[in-house]
Protein backbone atom coordinates (compact mmCIF):
# COMPACT_ATOMS: atom_id res chain seq x y z
CA MET A 1 -10.56 2.86 -0.81
CA LYS A 2 -8.49 2.26 -3.91
CA GLY A 3 -4.82 1.31 -3.76
CA HIS A 4 -2.07 1.76 -6.31
CA ARG A 5 1.33 0.09 -6.40
CA PRO A 6 3.93 2.20 -8.15
CA ALA A 7 7.24 0.84 -9.41
CA PRO A 8 9.61 0.10 -6.52
CA PRO A 9 12.11 2.82 -5.62
CA PRO A 10 15.79 2.39 -6.48
CA ARG A 11 17.53 0.00 -4.08
CA ARG A 12 19.48 1.84 -1.44
CA LEU A 13 19.44 -0.88 1.16
CA ALA A 14 19.64 -4.64 0.93
CA ARG A 15 15.83 -4.82 1.06
CA THR A 16 13.17 -3.35 -1.14
CA LYS A 17 9.90 -2.39 0.52
CA PRO A 18 6.91 -1.85 -1.74
CA ARG A 19 4.65 1.10 -1.12
CA ALA A 20 0.92 1.36 -1.66
CA GLU A 21 -0.57 4.78 -2.31
CA LEU A 22 -4.09 5.66 -1.24
CA ARG A 23 -5.88 7.21 -4.20
CA LEU A 24 -8.84 9.25 -3.12
CA PRO A 25 -11.77 10.16 -5.37
CA GLU A 26 -11.32 13.61 -6.91
CA HIS A 27 -14.75 14.85 -5.78
CA LEU A 28 -14.04 14.61 -2.03
CA GLY A 29 -14.12 17.74 0.05
CA GLU A 30 -11.32 18.48 2.50
CA ALA A 31 -13.20 17.07 5.51
CA GLU A 32 -13.96 13.79 3.70
CA ARG A 33 -10.36 13.59 2.49
CA GLN A 34 -9.07 13.97 6.04
CA ASN A 35 -11.50 11.25 7.23
CA TRP A 36 -10.15 8.82 4.59
CA ILE A 37 -6.55 9.65 5.53
CA ALA A 38 -7.31 9.14 9.24
CA ARG A 39 -8.99 5.81 8.44
CA LEU A 40 -5.94 4.69 6.48
CA GLY A 41 -3.75 5.57 9.47
CA ARG A 42 -5.93 3.50 11.81
CA GLU A 43 -6.01 0.55 9.42
CA ALA A 44 -2.24 0.70 8.85
CA ARG A 45 -1.59 0.70 12.62
CA ALA A 46 -3.96 -2.25 13.09
CA ALA A 47 -2.35 -4.19 10.21
CA ALA A 48 1.15 -3.46 11.57
CA ARG A 49 0.24 -5.27 14.82
CA LEU A 50 -0.63 -8.49 12.97
CA LYS A 51 2.09 -11.15 12.80
CA HIS A 52 1.35 -14.28 10.80
CA PRO A 53 3.12 -16.14 7.97
CA GLY A 54 0.06 -15.66 5.75
CA ILE A 55 -0.13 -11.87 6.23
CA ILE A 56 2.10 -9.28 4.56
CA THR A 57 3.89 -7.18 7.19
CA VAL A 58 3.11 -3.47 7.28
CA HIS A 59 6.26 -1.53 8.19
CA ASP A 60 5.18 2.10 8.11
CA ARG A 61 2.65 4.70 7.00
CA ILE A 62 4.18 7.76 5.37
CA SER A 63 2.99 10.90 3.59
CA GLY A 64 4.18 11.93 0.15
CA PRO A 65 5.29 15.47 -0.72
CA ASP A 66 1.71 16.31 -1.70
CA GLY A 67 0.31 14.96 1.59
CA ARG A 68 -1.13 11.74 0.16
CA PRO A 69 -0.69 8.74 2.45
CA TRP A 70 1.36 5.66 1.57
CA ILE A 71 1.72 2.29 3.30
CA VAL A 72 5.20 0.71 3.32
CA MET A 73 4.97 -3.08 3.43
CA GLU A 74 6.91 -6.31 3.13
CA LEU A 75 7.97 -7.36 -0.36
CA VAL A 76 6.81 -10.88 -1.17
CA SER A 77 8.66 -12.50 -4.05
CA ALA A 78 6.62 -15.00 -6.01
CA CYS A 79 6.34 -16.43 -9.48
CA THR A 80 3.35 -15.71 -11.66
CA SER A 81 1.00 -18.57 -12.33
CA PRO A 82 0.50 -19.27 -16.05
CA LEU A 83 -3.21 -19.55 -15.33
CA ARG A 84 -3.33 -15.92 -14.25
CA THR A 85 -1.49 -14.56 -17.30
CA GLU A 86 -3.61 -16.27 -19.95
CA PRO A 87 -6.53 -14.20 -21.26
CA ARG A 88 -10.01 -15.30 -20.21
CA ASN A 89 -12.52 -16.29 -22.87
């Protein structure tokens, strides 16, 4: 399962909630696609039940206009470590 984080939507409320899109392989048939979408739904529901300071909160699971599933989650603000931005040798 491969996730993708698009740019956040324009702020309409006081909070911004990032969304993660499930990108499915292009070669999947319809039955396999539906299995992946169902699995995402189960995993999103399980993750939404978890409450811990070290776990990002899952708020919702939605479908885009094309039917692709998205997970709406808590936005965690953090600074970037200089060690992570420097190229590796």
